[in-house]
C-alpha cells in the first residue's frame, strides 16, 4: 500500500479577480522505501504538490490519503497530529532556529509533547548524519551542508514514514549536495522511509528510484 497518495487533486488560488490553477487533477503515489524526484520549471506546481502531500495546504478538489486513509477533511489539529506522526520536512533554507544548538534544533518537533527520550534520539541522529562533533554548535557555527544535515536529522526525530524535501540541494555545492542525497538514499533503504524531493537539480534523479515531471500543474511520468 502507498504511504501517501494524491487522487485527482486540483488546487486553485484566488488572486484578486483571477484564479490560478496550480495543480490540475494530479494523481500521485509513493511507496514505503521509495525515493521519488519531482522536477519541473518554476511555477509548475512542484511546491504546491509537496505542501498538499504534507498536509500544509488543502486541495480544492480531490483527495489526500496516508496509509490508505482519506485525510483530506481533517481539522487543523488533526492534520498537525498526522504530520507529527507520519511526515518529516526538509526545506531549502534549512529553517533552523539561530539561538539553539544542533541538538536543540533537532528536538524542536518534540517540544509540544512528553518525550523524555528526545534528547538522546537527537544526539543519535546527528551522529548518524556525521555531526557527532557538532552537537552543541549553533547554526552560525555550521557550514551549509552541516545545516542541511541538522535539518535532515530534525525531520527524522519523530520516526516519520514519509520525508518531504523542497529543493534540498538548492543552497549546497555539488559535493555537499551529493552527501545529502546519499543520506536520503540510506534513510529510505535502511528505515523504509518514502522520500519525495521537489527540485530543479538533475542530480537528484540520479539517486531517485523514479522521476516525475510536473508541467503547468499536471504530472508527466
N, C-alpha and C. Protein backbone atom coordinates (compact mmCIF):
# COMPACT_ATOMS: atom_id res chain seq x y z
N UNK A 1 0.84 -1.20 0.00
CA UNK A 1 0.00 0.00 0.00
C UNK A 1 0.88 1.26 0.00
N UNK A 2 0.47 2.24 -0.77
CA UNK A 2 1.20 3.51 -0.81
C UNK A 2 1.16 4.18 0.56
N UNK A 3 2.28 4.79 0.97
CA UNK A 3 2.29 5.54 2.21
C UNK A 3 1.55 6.85 2.05
N UNK A 4 1.64 7.44 0.85
CA UNK A 4 0.95 8.70 0.60
C UNK A 4 0.45 8.72 -0.84
N UNK A 5 -0.71 9.34 -1.04
CA UNK A 5 -1.33 9.32 -2.37
C UNK A 5 -2.17 10.58 -2.58
N UNK A 6 -2.10 11.10 -3.80
CA UNK A 6 -2.99 12.17 -4.25
C UNK A 6 -3.90 11.59 -5.31
N UNK A 7 -5.19 11.83 -5.19
CA UNK A 7 -6.16 11.32 -6.16
C UNK A 7 -6.95 12.49 -6.76
N UNK A 8 -6.70 12.76 -8.03
CA UNK A 8 -7.44 13.80 -8.72
C UNK A 8 -7.35 15.16 -8.06
N UNK A 9 -6.17 15.51 -7.57
CA UNK A 9 -6.03 16.74 -6.78
C UNK A 9 -5.87 17.96 -7.69
N UNK A 10 -6.76 18.92 -7.46
CA UNK A 10 -6.68 20.23 -8.09
C UNK A 10 -6.55 21.27 -6.99
N UNK A 11 -5.67 22.25 -7.21
CA UNK A 11 -5.50 23.32 -6.24
C UNK A 11 -5.60 24.66 -6.94
N UNK A 12 -6.53 25.49 -6.49
CA UNK A 12 -6.73 26.82 -7.06
C UNK A 12 -6.45 27.89 -6.01
N UNK A 13 -5.86 28.99 -6.48
CA UNK A 13 -5.64 30.15 -5.62
C UNK A 13 -6.33 31.35 -6.27
N UNK A 14 -7.04 32.13 -5.47
CA UNK A 14 -7.66 33.35 -5.97
C UNK A 14 -6.74 34.53 -5.70
N UNK A 15 -6.41 35.25 -6.75
CA UNK A 15 -5.56 36.45 -6.62
C UNK A 15 -6.32 37.62 -7.22
N UNK A 16 -7.02 38.33 -6.36
CA UNK A 16 -7.85 39.43 -6.84
C UNK A 16 -8.98 38.89 -7.69
N UNK A 17 -9.05 39.32 -8.94
CA UNK A 17 -10.13 38.87 -9.83
C UNK A 17 -9.73 37.61 -10.61
N UNK A 18 -8.49 37.15 -10.44
CA UNK A 18 -8.01 35.99 -11.18
C UNK A 18 -7.99 34.74 -10.33
N UNK A 19 -8.09 33.58 -10.98
CA UNK A 19 -7.97 32.29 -10.31
C UNK A 19 -6.80 31.54 -10.94
N UNK A 20 -5.82 31.20 -10.09
CA UNK A 20 -4.66 30.47 -10.55
C UNK A 20 -4.84 28.99 -10.22
N UNK A 21 -4.73 28.14 -11.22
CA UNK A 21 -4.85 26.70 -11.02
C UNK A 21 -3.43 26.12 -10.94
N UNK A 22 -2.95 25.90 -9.71
CA UNK A 22 -1.57 25.44 -9.50
C UNK A 22 -1.43 23.94 -9.75
N UNK A 23 -2.46 23.16 -9.45
CA UNK A 23 -2.47 21.72 -9.72
C UNK A 23 -3.75 21.38 -10.46
N UNK A 24 -3.64 20.45 -11.41
CA UNK A 24 -4.79 20.11 -12.26
C UNK A 24 -4.97 18.59 -12.31
N UNK A 25 -5.84 18.09 -11.47
CA UNK A 25 -6.18 16.67 -11.50
C UNK A 25 -5.00 15.74 -11.30
N UNK A 26 -4.16 16.04 -10.32
CA UNK A 26 -2.93 15.28 -10.11
C UNK A 26 -3.21 13.95 -9.42
N UNK A 27 -2.71 12.87 -10.00
CA UNK A 27 -2.68 11.55 -9.38
C UNK A 27 -1.22 11.20 -9.10
N UNK A 28 -0.94 10.83 -7.86
CA UNK A 28 0.45 10.54 -7.48
C UNK A 28 0.44 9.63 -6.27
N UNK A 29 1.40 8.70 -6.21
CA UNK A 29 1.53 7.82 -5.04
C UNK A 29 2.99 7.49 -4.84
N UNK A 30 3.38 7.29 -3.59
CA UNK A 30 4.75 6.89 -3.26
C UNK A 30 4.68 5.73 -2.26
N UNK A 31 5.50 4.72 -2.51
CA UNK A 31 5.51 3.51 -1.70
C UNK A 31 6.54 3.64 -0.57
N UNK A 32 6.38 2.87 0.52
CA UNK A 32 7.41 2.84 1.56
C UNK A 32 8.77 2.46 0.96
N UNK A 33 9.81 3.16 1.36
CA UNK A 33 11.15 2.86 0.88
C UNK A 33 11.45 3.35 -0.52
N UNK A 34 10.56 4.13 -1.12
CA UNK A 34 10.76 4.63 -2.47
C UNK A 34 11.24 6.08 -2.43
N UNK A 35 12.16 6.41 -3.32
CA UNK A 35 12.70 7.77 -3.45
C UNK A 35 12.22 8.31 -4.79
N UNK A 36 11.37 9.34 -4.75
CA UNK A 36 10.81 9.94 -5.96
C UNK A 36 11.28 11.38 -6.08
N UNK A 37 11.83 11.73 -7.24
CA UNK A 37 12.18 13.11 -7.55
C UNK A 37 11.06 13.73 -8.37
N UNK A 38 10.64 14.93 -7.99
CA UNK A 38 9.61 15.67 -8.72
C UNK A 38 10.27 16.91 -9.31
N UNK A 39 10.30 16.97 -10.65
CA UNK A 39 11.00 18.05 -11.33
C UNK A 39 10.06 18.85 -12.21
N UNK A 40 10.44 20.10 -12.47
CA UNK A 40 9.64 20.96 -13.32
C UNK A 40 10.12 22.39 -13.21
N UNK A 41 9.73 23.23 -14.15
CA UNK A 41 10.16 24.63 -14.12
C UNK A 41 9.52 25.39 -12.97
N UNK A 42 10.04 26.58 -12.69
CA UNK A 42 9.45 27.45 -11.66
C UNK A 42 7.99 27.73 -12.01
N UNK A 43 7.14 27.67 -10.99
CA UNK A 43 5.73 27.92 -11.20
C UNK A 43 4.96 26.75 -11.76
N UNK A 44 5.58 25.57 -11.81
CA UNK A 44 4.92 24.40 -12.40
C UNK A 44 3.96 23.71 -11.43
N UNK A 45 4.09 24.01 -10.13
CA UNK A 45 3.22 23.38 -9.14
C UNK A 45 3.95 22.41 -8.22
N UNK A 46 5.30 22.33 -8.33
CA UNK A 46 6.07 21.38 -7.52
C UNK A 46 5.86 21.60 -6.02
N UNK A 47 6.09 22.82 -5.56
CA UNK A 47 6.00 23.09 -4.14
C UNK A 47 4.56 22.96 -3.64
N UNK A 48 3.60 23.38 -4.47
CA UNK A 48 2.19 23.22 -4.10
C UNK A 48 1.86 21.75 -3.90
N UNK A 49 2.34 20.91 -4.80
CA UNK A 49 2.11 19.47 -4.68
C UNK A 49 2.70 18.94 -3.38
N UNK A 50 3.91 19.39 -3.02
CA UNK A 50 4.56 18.94 -1.79
C UNK A 50 3.76 19.39 -0.57
N UNK A 51 3.27 20.63 -0.61
CA UNK A 51 2.52 21.16 0.53
C UNK A 51 1.19 20.42 0.71
N UNK A 52 0.54 20.08 -0.37
CA UNK A 52 -0.71 19.32 -0.27
C UNK A 52 -0.42 17.92 0.24
N UNK A 53 0.63 17.30 -0.27
CA UNK A 53 1.00 15.95 0.17
C UNK A 53 1.37 15.93 1.65
N UNK A 54 1.97 17.02 2.13
CA UNK A 54 2.37 17.10 3.53
C UNK A 54 1.34 17.72 4.45
N UNK A 55 0.13 17.90 3.98
CA UNK A 55 -0.98 18.44 4.77
C UNK A 55 -0.71 19.87 5.26
N UNK A 56 0.11 20.60 4.52
CA UNK A 56 0.33 22.01 4.82
C UNK A 56 -0.65 22.89 4.05
N UNK A 57 -1.30 22.33 3.05
CA UNK A 57 -2.29 23.04 2.25
C UNK A 57 -3.36 22.04 1.85
N UNK A 58 -4.59 22.50 1.69
CA UNK A 58 -5.71 21.62 1.36
C UNK A 58 -6.03 21.71 -0.13
N UNK A 59 -6.38 20.59 -0.75
CA UNK A 59 -6.75 20.65 -2.17
C UNK A 59 -8.10 21.33 -2.36
N UNK A 60 -8.28 21.95 -3.53
CA UNK A 60 -9.59 22.50 -3.87
C UNK A 60 -10.54 21.38 -4.29
N UNK A 61 -9.98 20.37 -4.92
CA UNK A 61 -10.73 19.17 -5.31
C UNK A 61 -9.80 17.97 -5.16
N UNK A 62 -10.40 16.79 -5.03
CA UNK A 62 -9.61 15.58 -4.94
C UNK A 62 -9.36 15.15 -3.50
N UNK A 63 -8.53 14.12 -3.33
CA UNK A 63 -8.32 13.52 -2.01
C UNK A 63 -6.84 13.29 -1.76
N UNK A 64 -6.48 13.39 -0.47
CA UNK A 64 -5.13 13.07 0.01
C UNK A 64 -5.27 11.87 0.94
N UNK A 65 -4.46 10.83 0.70
CA UNK A 65 -4.51 9.63 1.52
C UNK A 65 -3.15 9.36 2.16
N UNK A 66 -3.15 8.96 3.42
CA UNK A 66 -1.97 8.47 4.11
C UNK A 66 -2.27 7.06 4.61
N UNK A 67 -1.42 6.12 4.25
CA UNK A 67 -1.65 4.72 4.61
C UNK A 67 -3.04 4.25 4.20
N UNK A 68 -3.53 4.74 3.07
CA UNK A 68 -4.82 4.32 2.57
C UNK A 68 -6.01 5.02 3.21
N UNK A 69 -5.77 5.92 4.16
CA UNK A 69 -6.85 6.64 4.83
C UNK A 69 -7.01 8.02 4.22
N UNK A 70 -8.24 8.41 3.95
CA UNK A 70 -8.51 9.73 3.41
C UNK A 70 -8.37 10.75 4.53
N UNK A 71 -7.38 11.64 4.40
CA UNK A 71 -7.12 12.64 5.44
C UNK A 71 -7.45 14.05 4.95
N UNK A 72 -8.19 14.14 3.84
CA UNK A 72 -8.46 15.44 3.22
C UNK A 72 -9.24 16.36 4.12
N UNK A 73 -10.21 15.82 4.83
CA UNK A 73 -11.11 16.67 5.61
C UNK A 73 -10.77 16.81 7.07
N UNK A 74 -9.55 16.48 7.48
CA UNK A 74 -9.17 16.59 8.88
C UNK A 74 -9.15 18.05 9.33
N UNK A 75 -9.41 18.26 10.61
CA UNK A 75 -9.29 19.60 11.18
C UNK A 75 -7.81 19.98 11.26
N UNK A 76 -7.54 21.26 11.54
CA UNK A 76 -6.16 21.72 11.64
C UNK A 76 -5.41 20.93 12.73
N UNK A 77 -6.07 20.71 13.86
CA UNK A 77 -5.43 19.99 14.97
C UNK A 77 -5.15 18.55 14.56
N UNK A 78 -6.08 17.92 13.87
CA UNK A 78 -5.89 16.54 13.42
C UNK A 78 -4.77 16.45 12.38
N UNK A 79 -4.69 17.45 11.48
CA UNK A 79 -3.61 17.46 10.50
C UNK A 79 -2.26 17.62 11.18
N UNK A 80 -2.20 18.46 12.21
CA UNK A 80 -0.95 18.64 12.95
C UNK A 80 -0.50 17.34 13.58
N UNK A 81 -1.43 16.61 14.19
CA UNK A 81 -1.09 15.31 14.79
C UNK A 81 -0.64 14.32 13.73
N UNK A 82 -1.29 14.35 12.57
CA UNK A 82 -0.93 13.43 11.49
C UNK A 82 0.46 13.74 10.95
N UNK A 83 0.78 15.02 10.79
CA UNK A 83 2.12 15.38 10.34
C UNK A 83 3.17 14.93 11.34
N UNK A 84 2.90 15.14 12.62
CA UNK A 84 3.86 14.74 13.65
C UNK A 84 4.05 13.23 13.66
N UNK A 85 2.99 12.49 13.39
CA UNK A 85 3.05 11.03 13.42
C UNK A 85 3.74 10.44 12.20
N UNK A 86 3.54 11.03 11.02
CA UNK A 86 3.91 10.35 9.78
C UNK A 86 4.90 11.08 8.88
N UNK A 87 5.06 12.41 9.03
CA UNK A 87 5.73 13.18 7.98
C UNK A 87 6.88 14.02 8.55
N UNK A 88 8.01 13.99 7.84
CA UNK A 88 9.14 14.87 8.15
C UNK A 88 9.39 15.81 6.98
N UNK A 89 9.86 17.03 7.27
CA UNK A 89 10.07 18.04 6.23
C UNK A 89 11.52 18.52 6.24
N UNK A 90 12.08 18.70 5.04
CA UNK A 90 13.40 19.30 4.87
C UNK A 90 13.24 20.45 3.88
N UNK A 91 13.64 21.67 4.29
CA UNK A 91 13.43 22.85 3.46
C UNK A 91 14.75 23.38 2.91
N UNK A 92 14.67 24.08 1.79
CA UNK A 92 15.87 24.61 1.13
C UNK A 92 16.64 25.56 2.03
N UNK A 93 15.94 26.38 2.81
CA UNK A 93 16.61 27.39 3.63
C UNK A 93 16.95 26.88 5.03
N UNK A 94 16.84 25.54 5.24
CA UNK A 94 17.19 24.85 6.48
C UNK A 94 16.18 25.11 7.60
N UNK A 95 15.71 26.36 7.77
CA UNK A 95 14.71 26.72 8.79
C UNK A 95 15.14 26.31 10.19
N UNK A 96 16.42 26.54 10.50
CA UNK A 96 16.92 26.28 11.84
C UNK A 96 16.75 27.53 12.71
N UNK A 97 16.58 27.32 14.01
CA UNK A 97 16.44 28.44 14.95
C UNK A 97 17.85 28.88 15.37
N UNK A 98 18.24 30.12 15.07
CA UNK A 98 19.64 30.54 15.22
C UNK A 98 20.18 30.50 16.64
N UNK A 99 19.30 30.62 17.64
CA UNK A 99 19.77 30.67 19.03
C UNK A 99 19.89 29.29 19.66
N UNK A 100 19.48 28.25 18.95
CA UNK A 100 19.52 26.89 19.50
C UNK A 100 20.71 26.12 18.96
N UNK A 101 21.21 25.17 19.72
CA UNK A 101 22.27 24.29 19.26
C UNK A 101 21.72 23.28 18.25
N UNK A 102 22.62 22.52 17.64
CA UNK A 102 22.19 21.50 16.69
C UNK A 102 21.25 20.51 17.36
N UNK A 103 21.60 20.03 18.55
CA UNK A 103 20.74 19.07 19.27
C UNK A 103 19.39 19.69 19.56
N UNK A 104 19.37 20.92 20.03
CA UNK A 104 18.11 21.58 20.38
C UNK A 104 17.25 21.78 19.14
N UNK A 105 17.86 22.12 18.00
CA UNK A 105 17.09 22.27 16.76
C UNK A 105 16.45 20.94 16.35
N UNK A 106 17.18 19.86 16.50
CA UNK A 106 16.63 18.54 16.13
C UNK A 106 15.47 18.18 17.05
N UNK A 107 15.53 18.60 18.29
CA UNK A 107 14.48 18.28 19.27
C UNK A 107 13.20 19.09 19.08
N UNK A 108 13.24 20.18 18.32
CA UNK A 108 12.11 21.11 18.23
C UNK A 108 10.77 20.42 17.95
N UNK A 109 10.66 19.48 17.00
CA UNK A 109 9.35 18.87 16.74
C UNK A 109 8.77 18.08 17.91
N UNK A 110 9.58 17.80 18.94
CA UNK A 110 9.09 17.01 20.08
C UNK A 110 8.69 17.89 21.26
N UNK A 111 8.86 19.21 21.15
CA UNK A 111 8.73 20.08 22.31
C UNK A 111 7.31 20.20 22.85
N UNK A 112 6.31 19.89 22.04
CA UNK A 112 4.93 20.07 22.48
C UNK A 112 4.31 18.78 22.98
N UNK A 113 5.14 17.85 23.42
CA UNK A 113 4.65 16.60 23.97
C UNK A 113 5.62 16.08 25.02
N UNK A 114 5.21 15.03 25.70
CA UNK A 114 6.04 14.41 26.73
C UNK A 114 6.91 13.35 26.08
N UNK A 115 8.17 13.68 25.85
CA UNK A 115 9.06 12.78 25.13
C UNK A 115 10.43 12.80 25.80
N UNK A 116 10.60 12.06 26.89
CA UNK A 116 11.85 12.12 27.65
C UNK A 116 13.06 11.59 26.90
N UNK A 117 12.85 10.81 25.84
CA UNK A 117 13.97 10.26 25.09
C UNK A 117 14.40 11.10 23.90
N UNK A 118 13.79 12.28 23.73
CA UNK A 118 14.06 13.09 22.54
C UNK A 118 15.51 13.53 22.45
N UNK A 119 16.09 13.94 23.56
CA UNK A 119 17.47 14.41 23.53
C UNK A 119 18.45 13.33 23.11
N UNK A 120 18.24 12.14 23.64
CA UNK A 120 19.11 11.02 23.28
C UNK A 120 18.96 10.66 21.80
N UNK A 121 17.70 10.66 21.31
CA UNK A 121 17.47 10.37 19.89
C UNK A 121 18.09 11.44 19.00
N UNK A 122 17.98 12.70 19.41
CA UNK A 122 18.55 13.80 18.63
C UNK A 122 20.06 13.63 18.49
N UNK A 123 20.73 13.30 19.58
CA UNK A 123 22.18 13.08 19.53
C UNK A 123 22.52 11.92 18.61
N UNK A 124 21.74 10.83 18.71
CA UNK A 124 21.99 9.65 17.87
C UNK A 124 21.80 9.98 16.39
N UNK A 125 20.78 10.78 16.07
CA UNK A 125 20.53 11.15 14.68
C UNK A 125 21.65 12.04 14.13
N UNK A 126 22.11 12.96 14.94
CA UNK A 126 23.20 13.83 14.49
C UNK A 126 24.48 13.03 14.28
N UNK A 127 24.73 12.06 15.13
CA UNK A 127 25.90 11.19 14.90
C UNK A 127 25.72 10.40 13.62
N UNK A 128 24.50 9.96 13.36
CA UNK A 128 24.22 9.17 12.16
C UNK A 128 24.52 9.97 10.89
N UNK A 129 24.22 11.26 10.90
CA UNK A 129 24.47 12.08 9.71
C UNK A 129 25.86 12.74 9.74
N UNK A 130 26.73 12.25 10.63
CA UNK A 130 28.10 12.70 10.64
C UNK A 130 28.38 13.97 11.40
N UNK A 131 27.50 14.33 12.35
CA UNK A 131 27.67 15.57 13.10
C UNK A 131 27.84 15.33 14.59
N UNK A 132 28.41 14.19 14.94
CA UNK A 132 28.61 13.87 16.35
C UNK A 132 29.52 14.85 17.06
N UNK A 133 30.37 15.55 16.31
CA UNK A 133 31.27 16.54 16.91
C UNK A 133 30.72 17.96 16.82
N UNK A 134 29.45 18.10 16.43
CA UNK A 134 28.85 19.43 16.29
C UNK A 134 27.55 19.55 17.11
N UNK A 135 27.38 18.70 18.08
CA UNK A 135 26.12 18.65 18.83
C UNK A 135 25.75 19.99 19.47
N UNK A 136 26.72 20.70 19.98
CA UNK A 136 26.46 21.94 20.72
C UNK A 136 26.74 23.19 19.91
N UNK A 137 26.92 23.03 18.60
CA UNK A 137 27.17 24.19 17.74
C UNK A 137 25.86 24.83 17.30
N UNK A 138 25.82 26.15 17.27
CA UNK A 138 24.66 26.88 16.75
C UNK A 138 24.77 26.96 15.22
N UNK A 139 23.66 27.29 14.53
CA UNK A 139 23.68 27.34 13.06
C UNK A 139 24.77 28.24 12.48
N UNK A 140 25.08 29.37 13.15
CA UNK A 140 26.10 30.26 12.60
C UNK A 140 27.52 29.69 12.72
N UNK A 141 27.63 28.56 13.39
CA UNK A 141 28.92 27.87 13.52
C UNK A 141 29.01 26.64 12.61
N UNK A 142 28.01 26.49 11.73
CA UNK A 142 27.94 25.33 10.85
C UNK A 142 27.99 25.76 9.39
N UNK A 143 28.52 24.90 8.54
CA UNK A 143 28.51 25.15 7.09
C UNK A 143 27.12 24.87 6.53
N UNK A 144 26.90 25.22 5.26
CA UNK A 144 25.60 24.97 4.64
C UNK A 144 25.25 23.49 4.64
N UNK A 145 26.21 22.64 4.32
CA UNK A 145 25.95 21.21 4.31
C UNK A 145 25.65 20.66 5.69
N UNK A 146 26.34 21.19 6.71
CA UNK A 146 26.07 20.76 8.08
C UNK A 146 24.69 21.20 8.53
N UNK A 147 24.28 22.41 8.15
CA UNK A 147 22.94 22.88 8.49
C UNK A 147 21.88 21.97 7.86
N UNK A 148 22.11 21.58 6.59
CA UNK A 148 21.12 20.73 5.93
C UNK A 148 21.05 19.36 6.60
N UNK A 149 22.19 18.86 7.07
CA UNK A 149 22.17 17.57 7.76
C UNK A 149 21.48 17.67 9.12
N UNK A 150 21.60 18.81 9.79
CA UNK A 150 20.82 19.04 11.01
C UNK A 150 19.33 19.02 10.67
N UNK A 151 18.97 19.66 9.55
CA UNK A 151 17.56 19.67 9.12
C UNK A 151 17.06 18.27 8.80
N UNK A 152 17.91 17.44 8.20
CA UNK A 152 17.53 16.05 7.92
C UNK A 152 17.31 15.29 9.23
N UNK A 153 18.23 15.46 10.19
CA UNK A 153 18.07 14.81 11.49
C UNK A 153 16.79 15.25 12.17
N UNK A 154 16.49 16.55 12.11
CA UNK A 154 15.25 17.07 12.72
C UNK A 154 14.02 16.43 12.06
N UNK A 155 14.07 16.26 10.74
CA UNK A 155 12.93 15.66 10.04
C UNK A 155 12.69 14.22 10.45
N UNK A 156 13.73 13.56 10.98
CA UNK A 156 13.61 12.15 11.35
C UNK A 156 13.33 11.91 12.82
N UNK A 157 13.28 12.97 13.63
CA UNK A 157 13.21 12.81 15.08
C UNK A 157 11.95 12.06 15.52
N UNK A 158 10.85 12.21 14.81
CA UNK A 158 9.62 11.51 15.18
C UNK A 158 9.41 10.22 14.39
N UNK A 159 10.49 9.70 13.79
CA UNK A 159 10.45 8.45 13.02
C UNK A 159 9.32 8.47 11.98
N UNK A 160 9.33 9.44 11.07
CA UNK A 160 8.26 9.52 10.06
C UNK A 160 8.36 8.39 9.05
N UNK A 161 7.27 8.13 8.35
CA UNK A 161 7.27 7.16 7.28
C UNK A 161 7.39 7.84 5.92
N UNK A 162 7.23 9.18 5.91
CA UNK A 162 7.31 9.97 4.69
C UNK A 162 8.20 11.18 4.94
N UNK A 163 9.22 11.35 4.09
CA UNK A 163 10.11 12.50 4.18
C UNK A 163 9.92 13.35 2.94
N UNK A 164 9.56 14.63 3.13
CA UNK A 164 9.32 15.56 2.03
C UNK A 164 10.41 16.61 2.02
N UNK A 165 11.06 16.80 0.88
CA UNK A 165 12.17 17.73 0.77
C UNK A 165 11.92 18.72 -0.35
N UNK A 166 12.03 20.02 -0.03
CA UNK A 166 11.80 21.09 -1.00
C UNK A 166 13.15 21.68 -1.39
N UNK A 167 13.61 21.41 -2.61
CA UNK A 167 14.90 21.89 -3.11
C UNK A 167 16.03 21.61 -2.10
N UNK A 168 16.22 20.34 -1.70
CA UNK A 168 17.17 20.05 -0.62
C UNK A 168 18.62 20.34 -0.95
N UNK A 169 18.96 20.45 -2.25
CA UNK A 169 20.35 20.74 -2.63
C UNK A 169 20.51 22.15 -3.18
N UNK A 170 19.44 22.94 -3.12
CA UNK A 170 19.43 24.25 -3.78
C UNK A 170 20.49 25.22 -3.28
N UNK A 171 20.83 25.15 -1.98
CA UNK A 171 21.80 26.08 -1.42
C UNK A 171 23.15 25.43 -1.14
N UNK A 172 23.39 24.27 -1.77
CA UNK A 172 24.59 23.50 -1.47
C UNK A 172 25.49 23.37 -2.69
N UNK A 173 26.81 23.25 -2.45
CA UNK A 173 27.72 22.97 -3.56
C UNK A 173 27.54 21.51 -3.99
N UNK A 174 28.17 21.15 -5.10
CA UNK A 174 27.94 19.84 -5.71
C UNK A 174 28.27 18.68 -4.77
N UNK A 175 29.42 18.74 -4.13
CA UNK A 175 29.84 17.63 -3.28
C UNK A 175 28.96 17.52 -2.04
N UNK A 176 28.62 18.66 -1.42
CA UNK A 176 27.76 18.63 -0.24
C UNK A 176 26.36 18.15 -0.60
N UNK A 177 25.86 18.59 -1.76
CA UNK A 177 24.56 18.11 -2.21
C UNK A 177 24.55 16.61 -2.42
N UNK A 178 25.64 16.06 -2.95
CA UNK A 178 25.73 14.62 -3.16
C UNK A 178 25.66 13.88 -1.82
N UNK A 179 26.31 14.40 -0.80
CA UNK A 179 26.28 13.74 0.51
C UNK A 179 24.87 13.73 1.10
N UNK A 180 24.15 14.84 0.92
CA UNK A 180 22.77 14.89 1.42
C UNK A 180 21.90 13.88 0.68
N UNK A 181 22.07 13.77 -0.63
CA UNK A 181 21.29 12.81 -1.41
C UNK A 181 21.65 11.38 -1.04
N UNK A 182 22.91 11.13 -0.74
CA UNK A 182 23.31 9.80 -0.27
C UNK A 182 22.63 9.47 1.06
N UNK A 183 22.48 10.48 1.91
CA UNK A 183 21.79 10.27 3.19
C UNK A 183 20.33 9.94 2.96
N UNK A 184 19.68 10.62 2.01
CA UNK A 184 18.29 10.29 1.67
C UNK A 184 18.19 8.83 1.22
N UNK A 185 19.12 8.41 0.36
CA UNK A 185 19.11 7.03 -0.13
C UNK A 185 19.28 6.04 1.01
N UNK A 186 20.13 6.37 1.96
CA UNK A 186 20.36 5.48 3.09
C UNK A 186 19.12 5.40 3.98
N UNK A 187 18.47 6.55 4.19
CA UNK A 187 17.27 6.60 5.03
C UNK A 187 16.17 5.70 4.45
N UNK A 188 15.95 5.82 3.16
CA UNK A 188 14.85 5.03 2.57
C UNK A 188 15.20 3.55 2.52
N UNK A 189 16.50 3.23 2.35
CA UNK A 189 16.89 1.83 2.29
C UNK A 189 16.90 1.18 3.67
N UNK A 190 17.41 1.86 4.67
CA UNK A 190 17.56 1.28 6.00
C UNK A 190 16.30 1.38 6.85
N UNK A 191 15.53 2.47 6.68
CA UNK A 191 14.38 2.71 7.54
C UNK A 191 13.04 2.54 6.82
N UNK A 192 13.08 2.21 5.52
CA UNK A 192 11.86 2.02 4.73
C UNK A 192 11.01 3.29 4.68
N UNK A 193 11.69 4.44 4.72
CA UNK A 193 11.00 5.73 4.65
C UNK A 193 10.80 6.10 3.18
N UNK A 194 9.63 6.58 2.83
CA UNK A 194 9.38 7.12 1.49
C UNK A 194 9.92 8.54 1.43
N UNK A 195 10.66 8.86 0.36
CA UNK A 195 11.25 10.19 0.20
C UNK A 195 10.71 10.82 -1.08
N UNK A 196 10.18 12.03 -0.98
CA UNK A 196 9.74 12.79 -2.15
C UNK A 196 10.48 14.12 -2.12
N UNK A 197 11.27 14.37 -3.17
CA UNK A 197 12.05 15.61 -3.24
C UNK A 197 11.66 16.39 -4.48
N UNK A 198 11.21 17.63 -4.30
CA UNK A 198 10.93 18.50 -5.45
C UNK A 198 12.18 19.34 -5.69
N UNK A 199 12.56 19.49 -6.95
CA UNK A 199 13.87 20.07 -7.22
C UNK A 199 13.99 20.55 -8.66
N UNK A 200 14.95 21.47 -8.88
CA UNK A 200 15.42 21.82 -10.21
C UNK A 200 16.70 21.06 -10.55
N UNK A 201 17.27 20.39 -9.56
CA UNK A 201 18.61 19.82 -9.67
C UNK A 201 18.56 18.43 -10.32
N UNK A 202 19.11 18.25 -11.52
CA UNK A 202 19.06 16.94 -12.18
C UNK A 202 19.84 15.86 -11.44
N UNK A 203 20.74 16.24 -10.51
CA UNK A 203 21.47 15.24 -9.74
C UNK A 203 20.54 14.39 -8.89
N UNK A 204 19.42 14.98 -8.46
CA UNK A 204 18.50 14.26 -7.58
C UNK A 204 17.97 13.01 -8.29
N UNK A 205 17.72 13.12 -9.60
CA UNK A 205 17.21 11.99 -10.36
C UNK A 205 18.18 10.81 -10.36
N UNK A 206 19.47 11.11 -10.24
CA UNK A 206 20.47 10.04 -10.23
C UNK A 206 20.33 9.15 -9.00
N UNK A 207 19.80 9.70 -7.92
CA UNK A 207 19.64 8.95 -6.67
C UNK A 207 18.23 8.39 -6.50
N UNK A 208 17.27 8.92 -7.26
CA UNK A 208 15.87 8.54 -7.09
C UNK A 208 15.54 7.23 -7.81
N UNK A 209 14.52 6.54 -7.31
CA UNK A 209 14.02 5.34 -7.98
C UNK A 209 13.26 5.70 -9.25
N UNK A 210 12.58 6.84 -9.22
CA UNK A 210 11.89 7.32 -10.41
C UNK A 210 11.76 8.84 -10.33
N UNK A 211 11.57 9.43 -11.49
CA UNK A 211 11.42 10.88 -11.60
C UNK A 211 10.07 11.21 -12.22
N UNK A 212 9.38 12.15 -11.62
CA UNK A 212 8.09 12.62 -12.10
C UNK A 212 8.25 14.07 -12.54
N UNK A 213 7.82 14.40 -13.73
CA UNK A 213 7.84 15.78 -14.21
C UNK A 213 6.46 16.40 -14.00
N UNK A 214 6.46 17.65 -13.56
CA UNK A 214 5.20 18.37 -13.43
C UNK A 214 5.31 19.66 -14.25
N UNK A 215 4.37 19.85 -15.16
CA UNK A 215 4.36 20.99 -16.06
C UNK A 215 2.97 21.60 -16.05
N UNK A 216 2.90 22.89 -15.75
CA UNK A 216 1.60 23.60 -15.71
C UNK A 216 0.59 22.87 -14.83
N UNK A 217 1.08 22.35 -13.70
CA UNK A 217 0.19 21.72 -12.73
C UNK A 217 -0.23 20.31 -13.06
N UNK A 218 0.36 19.71 -14.11
CA UNK A 218 -0.03 18.36 -14.50
C UNK A 218 1.18 17.44 -14.43
N UNK A 219 0.96 16.21 -13.97
CA UNK A 219 2.02 15.22 -13.81
C UNK A 219 2.30 14.54 -15.15
N UNK A 220 3.60 14.38 -15.42
CA UNK A 220 4.04 13.61 -16.59
C UNK A 220 5.16 12.70 -16.13
N UNK A 221 4.91 11.37 -16.09
CA UNK A 221 5.93 10.41 -15.64
C UNK A 221 7.01 10.30 -16.70
